[in-house]
C-alpha atoms as a PDB file:
ATOM      1  CA  MET A   1     -33.605 -21.690 -13.333  1.00  0.00           C
ATOM      2  CA  THR A   2     -30.376 -21.071 -11.431  1.00  0.00           C
ATOM      3  CA  THR A   3     -29.352 -17.474 -10.838  1.00  0.00           C
ATOM      4  CA  SER A   4     -25.800 -16.340 -10.241  1.00  0.00           C
ATOM      5  CA  PHE A   5     -24.857 -15.443  -6.688  1.00  0.00           C
ATOM      6  CA  HIS A   6     -22.246 -12.704  -6.303  1.00  0.00           C
ATOM      7  CA  PRO A   7     -22.057 -11.707  -2.624  1.00  0.00           C
ATOM      8  CA  MET A   8     -19.365  -9.098  -3.281  1.00  0.00           C
ATOM      9  CA  ASP A   9     -21.034  -7.521  -6.293  1.00  0.00           C
ATOM     10  CA  MET A  10     -20.445  -3.735  -6.250  1.00  0.00           C
ATOM     11  CA  THR A  11     -22.456  -2.826  -9.339  1.00  0.00           C
ATOM     12  CA  GLY A  12     -24.033   0.616  -9.070  1.00  0.00           C
ATOM     13  CA  ARG A  13     -21.849   1.685  -6.154  1.00  0.00           C
ATOM     14  CA  THR A  14     -19.359   4.535  -6.063  1.00  0.00           C
ATOM     15  CA  VAL A  15     -16.190   4.105  -4.021  1.00  0.00           C
ATOM     16  CA  LEU A  16     -13.382   6.566  -3.357  1.00  0.00           C
ATOM     17  CA  VAL A  17      -9.939   4.971  -3.244  1.00  0.00           C
ATOM     18  CA  THR A  18      -7.144   7.124  -1.858  1.00  0.00           C
ATOM     19  CA  GLY A  19      -3.531   6.362  -2.665  1.00  0.00           C
ATOM     20  CA  ALA A  20      -4.744   4.818  -5.903  1.00  0.00           C
ATOM     21  CA  THR A  21      -1.583   5.611  -7.852  1.00  0.00           C
ATOM     22  CA  SER A  22       0.441   2.615  -6.632  1.00  0.00           C
ATOM     23  CA  GLY A  23       0.627  -0.456  -4.439  1.00  0.00           C
ATOM     24  CA  ILE A  24      -2.378  -1.472  -2.372  1.00  0.00           C
ATOM     25  CA  GLY A  25      -4.420   1.551  -3.450  1.00  0.00           C
ATOM     26  CA  GLN A  26      -4.006   0.831  -7.142  1.00  0.00           C
ATOM     27  CA  ALA A  27      -4.759  -2.859  -6.608  1.00  0.00           C
ATOM     28  CA  ALA A  28      -7.897  -1.958  -4.632  1.00  0.00           C
ATOM     29  CA  ALA A  29      -9.114   0.371  -7.373  1.00  0.00           C
ATOM     30  CA  VAL A  30      -8.651  -2.319 -10.020  1.00  0.00           C
ATOM     31  CA  TYR A  31     -10.244  -5.023  -7.871  1.00  0.00           C
ATOM     32  CA  LEU A  32     -13.290  -2.906  -7.081  1.00  0.00           C
ATOM     33  CA  SER A  33     -13.755  -2.030 -10.758  1.00  0.00           C
ATOM     34  CA  LYS A  34     -13.786  -5.744 -11.566  1.00  0.00           C
ATOM     35  CA  LEU A  35     -16.598  -6.152  -9.030  1.00  0.00           C
ATOM     36  CA  GLY A  36     -18.611  -3.522 -10.890  1.00  0.00           C
ATOM     37  CA  ALA A  37     -17.943  -0.467  -8.731  1.00  0.00           C
ATOM     38  CA  ARG A  38     -17.560   3.025 -10.103  1.00  0.00           C
ATOM     39  CA  VAL A  39     -14.165   4.060  -8.765  1.00  0.00           C
ATOM     40  CA  VAL A  40     -13.128   7.575  -7.804  1.00  0.00           C
ATOM     41  CA  ALA A  41      -9.347   7.226  -7.725  1.00  0.00           C
ATOM     42  CA  SER A  42      -7.302   9.859  -5.939  1.00  0.00           C
ATOM     43  CA  GLY A  43      -3.585  10.460  -5.680  1.00  0.00           C
ATOM     44  CA  ARG A  44      -0.841  13.059  -5.898  1.00  0.00           C
ATOM     45  CA  ASN A  45       0.799  12.118  -9.200  1.00  0.00           C
ATOM     46  CA  ALA A  46      -1.123  12.919 -12.408  1.00  0.00           C
ATOM     47  CA  GLU A  47       0.797  10.496 -14.626  1.00  0.00           C
ATOM     48  CA  ARG A  48       0.407   7.545 -12.268  1.00  0.00           C
ATOM     49  CA  LEU A  49      -3.249   8.415 -11.709  1.00  0.00           C
ATOM     50  CA  GLU A  50      -3.880   8.180 -15.451  1.00  0.00           C
ATOM     51  CA  GLU A  51      -2.118   4.824 -15.437  1.00  0.00           C
ATOM     52  CA  THR A  52      -4.469   3.559 -12.738  1.00  0.00           C
ATOM     53  CA  LEU A  53      -7.539   4.777 -14.619  1.00  0.00           C
ATOM     54  CA  SER A  54      -6.341   2.908 -17.712  1.00  0.00           C
ATOM     55  CA  LEU A  55      -6.293  -0.338 -15.719  1.00  0.00           C
ATOM     56  CA  LEU A  56      -9.865  -0.114 -14.463  1.00  0.00           C
ATOM     57  CA  GLU A  57     -12.634  -2.238 -15.926  1.00  0.00           C
ATOM     58  CA  GLY A  58     -15.990  -0.730 -16.816  1.00  0.00           C
ATOM     59  CA  GLU A  59     -16.902   2.904 -17.346  1.00  0.00           C
ATOM     60  CA  GLY A  60     -17.638   6.066 -15.409  1.00  0.00           C
ATOM     61  CA  HIS A  61     -14.501   6.062 -13.294  1.00  0.00           C
ATOM     62  CA  VAL A  62     -13.068   9.375 -12.121  1.00  0.00           C
ATOM     63  CA  GLY A  63      -9.553  10.482 -11.261  1.00  0.00           C
ATOM     64  CA  LYS A  64      -8.916  13.287  -8.766  1.00  0.00           C
ATOM     65  CA  LEU A  65      -5.610  14.841  -7.794  1.00  0.00           C
ATOM     66  CA  PHE A  66      -5.329  15.731  -4.119  1.00  0.00           C
ATOM     67  CA  ASP A  67      -2.584  15.688  -1.512  1.00  0.00           C
ATOM     68  CA  LEU A  68      -3.953  14.357   1.776  1.00  0.00           C
ATOM     69  CA  ALA A  69      -1.032  16.010   3.559  1.00  0.00           C
ATOM     70  CA  ASP A  70      -3.295  19.074   3.369  1.00  0.00           C
ATOM     71  CA  THR A  71      -5.348  17.845   6.307  1.00  0.00           C
ATOM     72  CA  ALA A  72      -7.226  21.133   6.703  1.00  0.00           C
ATOM     73  CA  GLY A  73      -8.423  20.859   3.117  1.00  0.00           C
ATOM     74  CA  ILE A  74      -9.708  17.278   3.273  1.00  0.00           C
ATOM     75  CA  VAL A  75     -13.283  17.967   4.405  1.00  0.00           C
ATOM     76  CA  PRO A  76     -13.882  20.813   1.889  1.00  0.00           C
ATOM     77  CA  TRP A  77     -12.316  18.684  -0.856  1.00  0.00           C
ATOM     78  CA  LEU A  78     -14.542  15.702  -0.031  1.00  0.00           C
ATOM     79  CA  LYS A  79     -17.663  17.885   0.033  1.00  0.00           C
ATOM     80  CA  ALA A  80     -16.805  19.355  -3.371  1.00  0.00           C
ATOM     81  CA  LEU A  81     -15.998  15.905  -4.741  1.00  0.00           C
ATOM     82  CA  CYS A  82     -19.348  14.464  -3.637  1.00  0.00           C
ATOM     83  CA  ALA A  83     -21.192  17.477  -5.009  1.00  0.00           C
ATOM     84  CA  GLU A  84     -19.682  16.507  -8.368  1.00  0.00           C
ATOM     85  CA  VAL A  85     -19.842  12.682  -8.382  1.00  0.00           C
ATOM     86  CA  GLY A  86     -22.672  12.132  -5.908  1.00  0.00           C
ATOM     87  CA  PRO A  87     -22.643  10.526  -2.448  1.00  0.00           C
ATOM     88  CA  LEU A  88     -20.208   7.684  -1.909  1.00  0.00           C
ATOM     89  CA  ASN A  89     -21.095   4.134  -0.972  1.00  0.00           C
ATOM     90  CA  GLY A  90     -17.648   3.640   0.458  1.00  0.00           C
ATOM     91  CA  ILE A  91     -14.112   4.869   0.960  1.00  0.00           C
ATOM     92  CA  ALA A  92     -10.982   2.721   0.841  1.00  0.00           C
ATOM     93  CA  HIS A  93      -8.327   4.884   2.468  1.00  0.00           C
ATOM     94  CA  CYS A  94      -5.050   3.389   1.272  1.00  0.00           C
ATOM     95  CA  ALA A  95      -2.860   6.508   1.214  1.00  0.00           C
ATOM     96  CA  GLY A  96      -0.131   6.859   3.799  1.00  0.00           C
ATOM     97  CA  ILE A  97       3.589   7.232   4.329  1.00  0.00           C
ATOM     98  CA  GLN A  98       6.246   4.893   5.689  1.00  0.00           C
ATOM     99  CA  GLY A  99       8.739   6.345   8.140  1.00  0.00           C
ATOM    100  CA  THR A 100      11.548   4.231   9.597  1.00  0.00           C
ATOM    101  CA  LEU A 101      13.850   5.864  12.135  1.00  0.00           C
ATOM    102  CA  PRO A 102      15.269   4.777  15.490  1.00  0.00           C
ATOM    103  CA  ILE A 103      13.897   6.884  18.313  1.00  0.00           C
ATOM    104  CA  GLN A 104      17.211   8.695  18.816  1.00  0.00           C
ATOM    105  CA  ALA A 105      16.936  10.047  15.269  1.00  0.00           C
ATOM    106  CA  VAL A 106      13.283  11.103  15.419  1.00  0.00           C
ATOM    107  CA  THR A 107      12.646  14.832  15.136  1.00  0.00           C
ATOM    108  CA  PRO A 108       9.447  16.700  15.971  1.00  0.00           C
ATOM    109  CA  THR A 109       8.987  17.391  12.242  1.00  0.00           C
ATOM    110  CA  PHE A 110       9.328  13.708  11.343  1.00  0.00           C
ATOM    111  CA  ALA A 111       6.879  12.613  14.040  1.00  0.00           C
ATOM    112  CA  HIS A 112       4.421  15.348  13.049  1.00  0.00           C
ATOM    113  CA  ASP A 113       4.495  14.436   9.351  1.00  0.00           C
ATOM    114  CA  VAL A 114       3.969  10.707   9.930  1.00  0.00           C
ATOM    115  CA  LEU A 115       1.190  11.176  12.476  1.00  0.00           C
ATOM    116  CA  MET A 116      -0.571  13.831  10.437  1.00  0.00           C
ATOM    117  CA  GLN A 117      -0.515  11.941   7.144  1.00  0.00           C
ATOM    118  CA  ASN A 118      -1.298   8.496   8.567  1.00  0.00           C
ATOM    119  CA  LEU A 119      -3.661   9.359  11.404  1.00  0.00           C
ATOM    120  CA  ALA A 120      -4.969  12.928  11.184  1.00  0.00           C
ATOM    121  CA  ALA A 121      -5.798  12.610   7.474  1.00  0.00           C
ATOM    122  CA  SER A 122      -7.831   9.484   8.246  1.00  0.00           C
ATOM    123  CA  LEU A 123      -9.804  11.275  10.939  1.00  0.00           C
ATOM    124  CA  MET A 124     -10.561  14.171   8.603  1.00  0.00           C
ATOM    125  CA  LEU A 125     -11.791  11.744   5.945  1.00  0.00           C
ATOM    126  CA  ALA A 126     -14.142  10.212   8.511  1.00  0.00           C
ATOM    127  CA  GLN A 127     -15.356  13.670   9.495  1.00  0.00           C
ATOM    128  CA  GLY A 128     -16.119  14.559   5.903  1.00  0.00           C
ATOM    129  CA  PHE A 129     -17.626  11.185   5.017  1.00  0.00           C
ATOM    130  CA  ARG A 130     -20.221  11.393   7.801  1.00  0.00           C
ATOM    131  CA  LEU A 131     -21.784  14.468   6.177  1.00  0.00           C
ATOM    132  CA  LYS A 132     -25.133  13.530   4.634  1.00  0.00           C
ATOM    133  CA  VAL A 133     -24.114  14.842   1.219  1.00  0.00           C
ATOM    134  CA  CYS A 134     -21.049  12.589   1.207  1.00  0.00           C
ATOM    135  CA  HIS A 135     -22.417   9.115   1.892  1.00  0.00           C
ATOM    136  CA  THR A 136     -25.293   6.848   0.974  1.00  0.00           C
ATOM    137  CA  PRO A 137     -27.262   4.789   3.501  1.00  0.00           C
ATOM    138  CA  GLN A 138     -25.353   1.703   4.702  1.00  0.00           C
ATOM    139  CA  ALA A 139     -21.979   3.079   3.649  1.00  0.00           C
ATOM    140  CA  SER A 140     -18.601   1.617   4.540  1.00  0.00           C
ATOM    141  CA  LEU A 141     -15.262   3.204   5.428  1.00  0.00           C
ATOM    142  CA  VAL A 142     -12.139   1.043   5.333  1.00  0.00           C
ATOM    143  CA  PHE A 143      -8.767   2.221   6.633  1.00  0.00           C
ATOM    144  CA  VAL A 144      -5.465   0.545   5.827  1.00  0.00           C
ATOM    145  CA  SER A 145      -3.542   0.194   9.079  1.00  0.00           C
ATOM    146  CA  SER A 146      -0.555  -2.121   9.463  1.00  0.00           C
ATOM    147  CA  SER A 147       0.540  -5.237  11.296  1.00  0.00           C
ATOM    148  CA  ALA A 148       3.318  -2.992  12.649  1.00  0.00           C
ATOM    149  CA  ALA A 149       0.675  -1.554  14.984  1.00  0.00           C
ATOM    150  CA  LEU A 150       0.183  -4.993  16.532  1.00  0.00           C
ATOM    151  CA  LYS A 151       3.670  -6.483  16.395  1.00  0.00           C
ATOM    152  CA  THR A 152       6.274  -3.831  15.745  1.00  0.00           C
ATOM    153  CA  ALA A 153      10.051  -3.657  15.815  1.00  0.00           C
ATOM    154  CA  PRO A 154      12.735  -1.232  16.998  1.00  0.00           C
ATOM    155  CA  GLY A 155      13.241   1.656  14.605  1.00  0.00           C
ATOM    156  CA  ASN A 156       9.640   1.637  13.488  1.00  0.00           C
ATOM    157  CA  VAL A 157       7.983   3.152  16.522  1.00  0.00           C
ATOM    158  CA  VAL A 158       6.562   6.367  15.010  1.00  0.00           C
ATOM    159  CA  TYR A 159       5.028   4.589  12.023  1.00  0.00           C
ATOM    160  CA  ALA A 160       3.652   1.891  14.331  1.00  0.00           C
ATOM    161  CA  ALA A 161       2.175   4.539  16.626  1.00  0.00           C
ATOM    162  CA  SER A 162       0.433   6.242  13.721  1.00  0.00           C
ATOM    163  CA  LYS A 163      -1.083   2.966  12.550  1.00  0.00           C
ATOM    164  CA  GLY A 164      -1.926   1.935  16.114  1.00  0.00           C
ATOM    165  CA  GLY A 165      -3.762   5.203  16.563  1.00  0.00           C
ATOM    166  CA  LEU A 166      -5.743   4.330  13.454  1.00  0.00           C
ATOM    167  CA  ILE A 167      -6.819   1.023  14.985  1.00  0.00           C
ATOM    168  CA  SER A 168      -7.963   2.807  18.146  1.00  0.00           C
ATOM    169  CA  ALA A 169      -9.844   5.326  16.023  1.00  0.00           C
ATOM    170  CA  VAL A 170     -11.638   2.539  14.151  1.00  0.00           C
ATOM    171  CA  LYS A 171     -12.851   1.062  17.448  1.00  0.00           C
ATOM    172  CA  GLY A 172     -14.481   4.374  18.356  1.00  0.00           C
ATOM    173  CA  LEU A 173     -15.655   5.400  14.903  1.00  0.00           C
ATOM    174  CA  GLY A 174     -17.170   1.981  14.295  1.00  0.00           C
ATOM    175  CA  VAL A 175     -19.665   2.732  17.056  1.00  0.00           C
ATOM    176  CA  GLU A 176     -19.897   6.517  16.719  1.00  0.00           C
ATOM    177  CA  LEU A 177     -20.829   6.497  13.032  1.00  0.00           C
ATOM    178  CA  VAL A 178     -23.466   3.776  13.297  1.00  0.00           C
ATOM    179  CA  ARG A 179     -26.082   6.495  13.730  1.00  0.00           C
ATOM    180  CA  ASP A 180     -24.924   7.990  10.431  1.00  0.00           C
ATOM    181  CA  GLY A 181     -25.334   4.646   8.667  1.00  0.00           C
ATOM    182  CA  ILE A 182     -21.580   4.119   8.221  1.00  0.00           C
ATOM    183  CA  ARG A 183     -19.597   1.039   9.141  1.00  0.00           C
ATOM    184  CA  VAL A 184     -15.904   1.631   9.912  1.00  0.00           C
ATOM    185  CA  ASN A 185     -13.259  -1.090   9.814  1.00  0.00           C
ATOM    186  CA  ALA A 186      -9.564  -1.484   9.148  1.00  0.00           C
ATOM    187  CA  ILE A 187      -7.212  -4.021   7.696  1.00  0.00           C
ATOM    188  CA  ALA A 188      -3.723  -4.615   9.038  1.00  0.00           C
ATOM    189  CA  PRO A 189      -1.471  -5.972   6.306  1.00  0.00           C
ATOM    190  CA  ALA A 190       2.066  -7.191   6.916  1.00  0.00           C
ATOM    191  CA  MET A 191       4.849  -6.884   4.344  1.00  0.00           C
ATOM    192  CA  VAL A 192       3.400  -6.696   0.823  1.00  0.00           C
ATOM    193  CA  GLU A 193       5.230  -6.384  -2.490  1.00  0.00           C
ATOM    194  CA  THR A 194       4.723  -2.655  -3.071  1.00  0.00           C
ATOM    195  CA  PRO A 195       6.903   0.415  -3.727  1.00  0.00           C
ATOM    196  CA  MET A 196       6.541   1.223  -0.008  1.00  0.00           C
ATOM    197  CA  SER A 197       7.988  -2.131   1.037  1.00  0.00           C
ATOM    198  CA  GLU A 198      10.759  -1.702  -1.518  1.00  0.00           C
ATOM    199  CA  ASN A 199      11.568   1.659   0.036  1.00  0.00           C
ATOM    200  CA  PHE A 200      11.657   0.030   3.467  1.00  0.00           C
ATOM    201  CA  LYS A 201      13.928  -2.710   2.134  1.00  0.00           C
ATOM    202  CA  ASN A 202      16.398  -0.097   0.935  1.00  0.00           C
ATOM    203  CA  LYS A 203      16.569   1.440   4.419  1.00  0.00           C
ATOM    204  CA  VAL A 204      17.385  -1.723   6.360  1.00  0.00           C
ATOM    205  CA  SER A 205      19.984  -4.445   6.047  1.00  0.00           C
ATOM    206  CA  GLU A 206      19.332  -7.432   3.808  1.00  0.00           C
ATOM    207  CA  GLU A 207      19.508  -9.658   6.875  1.00  0.00           C
ATOM    208  CA  LYS A 208      16.863  -7.649   8.723  1.00  0.00           C
ATOM    209  CA  PHE A 209      14.537  -7.596   5.715  1.00  0.00           C
ATOM    210  CA  GLN A 210      14.860 -11.355   5.283  1.00  0.00           C
ATOM    211  CA  LYS A 211      14.134 -11.837   8.972  1.00  0.00           C
ATOM    212  CA  ILE A 212      10.860  -9.938   8.551  1.00  0.00           C
ATOM    213  CA  ILE A 213       9.890 -12.085   5.576  1.00  0.00           C
ATOM    214  CA  ASP A 214      10.704 -15.226   7.579  1.00  0.00           C
ATOM    215  CA  MET A 215       8.240 -14.044  10.247  1.00  0.00           C
ATOM    216  CA  GLN A 216       5.417 -14.329   7.692  1.00  0.00           C
ATOM    217  CA  PRO A 217       4.711 -18.065   7.307  1.00  0.00           C
ATOM    218  CA  LEU A 218       2.889 -17.487   4.016  1.00  0.00           C
ATOM    219  CA  GLY A 219       5.653 -15.237   2.681  1.00  0.00           C
ATOM    220  CA  LEU A 220       5.288 -11.786   1.171  1.00  0.00           C
ATOM    221  CA  GLY A 221       1.780 -10.762   0.268  1.00  0.00           C
ATOM    222  CA  ARG A 222       0.616  -9.270  -3.015  1.00  0.00           C
ATOM    223  CA  PRO A 223      -1.383  -6.057  -3.313  1.00  0.00           C
ATOM    224  CA  GLU A 224      -4.291  -8.110  -4.678  1.00  0.00           C
ATOM    225  CA  ASP A 225      -4.438 -10.109  -1.436  1.00  0.00           C
ATOM    226  CA  VAL A 226      -5.071  -6.932   0.514  1.00  0.00           C
ATOM    227  CA  ALA A 227      -7.431  -5.524  -2.129  1.00  0.00           C
ATOM    228  CA  ALA A 228      -9.677  -8.568  -1.754  1.00  0.00           C
ATOM    229  CA  SER A 229     -10.003  -7.907   1.974  1.00  0.00           C
ATOM    230  CA  ILE A 230     -10.790  -4.246   1.360  1.00  0.00           C
ATOM    231  CA  ALA A 231     -13.515  -5.265  -1.080  1.00  0.00           C
ATOM    232  CA  PHE A 232     -14.958  -7.707   1.476  1.00  0.00           C
ATOM    233  CA  LEU A 233     -15.275  -4.900   4.042  1.00  0.00           C
ATOM    234  CA  LEU A 234     -16.847  -2.535   1.508  1.00  0.00           C
ATOM    235  CA  ALA A 235     -19.373  -5.037   0.180  1.00  0.00           C
ATOM    236  CA  ASP A 236     -22.505  -6.427   1.814  1.00  0.00           C
ATOM    237  CA  THR A 237     -20.457  -9.456   2.874  1.00  0.00           C
ATOM    238  CA  SER A 238     -19.471  -7.411   5.944  1.00  0.00           C
ATOM    239  CA  ARG A 239     -22.818  -5.730   6.654  1.00  0.00           C
ATOM    240  CA  TRP A 240     -22.696  -6.972  10.288  1.00  0.00           C
ATOM    241  CA  ILE A 241     -19.089  -5.942  10.923  1.00  0.00           C
ATOM    242  CA  THR A 242     -17.953  -2.603  12.317  1.00  0.00           C
ATOM    243  CA  GLY A 243     -15.182  -1.357  14.585  1.00  0.00           C
ATOM    244  CA  THR A 244     -12.923  -4.294  13.836  1.00  0.00           C
ATOM    245  CA  VAL A 245      -9.464  -4.920  12.416  1.00  0.00           C
ATOM    246  CA  LEU A 246      -8.813  -7.683   9.911  1.00  0.00           C
ATOM    247  CA  CYS A 247      -5.225  -8.974   9.900  1.00  0.00           C
ATOM    248  CA  VAL A 248      -4.075  -9.740   6.367  1.00  0.00           C
ATOM    249  CA  ASP A 249      -0.525 -10.669   7.197  1.00  0.00           C
ATOM    250  CA  GLY A 250       0.497 -14.125   6.018  1.00  0.00           C
ATOM    251  CA  GLY A 251       0.463 -15.362   9.616  1.00  0.00           C
ATOM    252  CA  PHE A 252       2.751 -12.595  10.928  1.00  0.00           C
ATOM    253  CA  THR A 253       0.673 -11.923  14.058  1.00  0.00           C
ATOM    254  CA  ALA A 254      -0.364 -15.558  14.607  1.00  0.00           C
END
């Protein structure tokens, strides 16, 4: 008798997905639900959060409103969340902000906001996740960085620095949290068809945007392409991987 083999099966596992109200986060939540995971979807917009929940397959999913810009509140929020839903098998941290400004236009407030929401919030999530009440044995934490951290362009330096800091953090956390039973990895997507990329497109010239697309041999990615990589790093398929960055970029950094 032949049995089915599903190496990325997530049945019985609970995963928090931040930024689940749009783009990569929403795609990750849907993808994980299709693999059998119980999804805890978080975001800042109640209407869009309900939309995401309506797209999920299976039952038992939970929606939670929270603004990760409140970095001081992240650890208490995560502790309260896990007290309610139980310890998490994984976190897919997809929330973040895009900031595109040439260095001469950067203000301390702009730099602070981008670094806090893209980097500091990630570190606080890691701090909360390592608490025993917040994770199961052999848990996985996946951050969404960016190919901009590896191959950036003028006018994008603050955003690239925030995502580059995330890659450096993953290198350290991947080793530091081994003793807590948590693997930590990141993915670095290039330009993907999301509201964030559309916002970026509106801030640059058509010629510059096309040039970026031309630098990706496989063209623009889809949110589902990135979601599949997130799922791979959350599932047992990556049980021997930690502290690494997976480029999901259509050949952009090749």
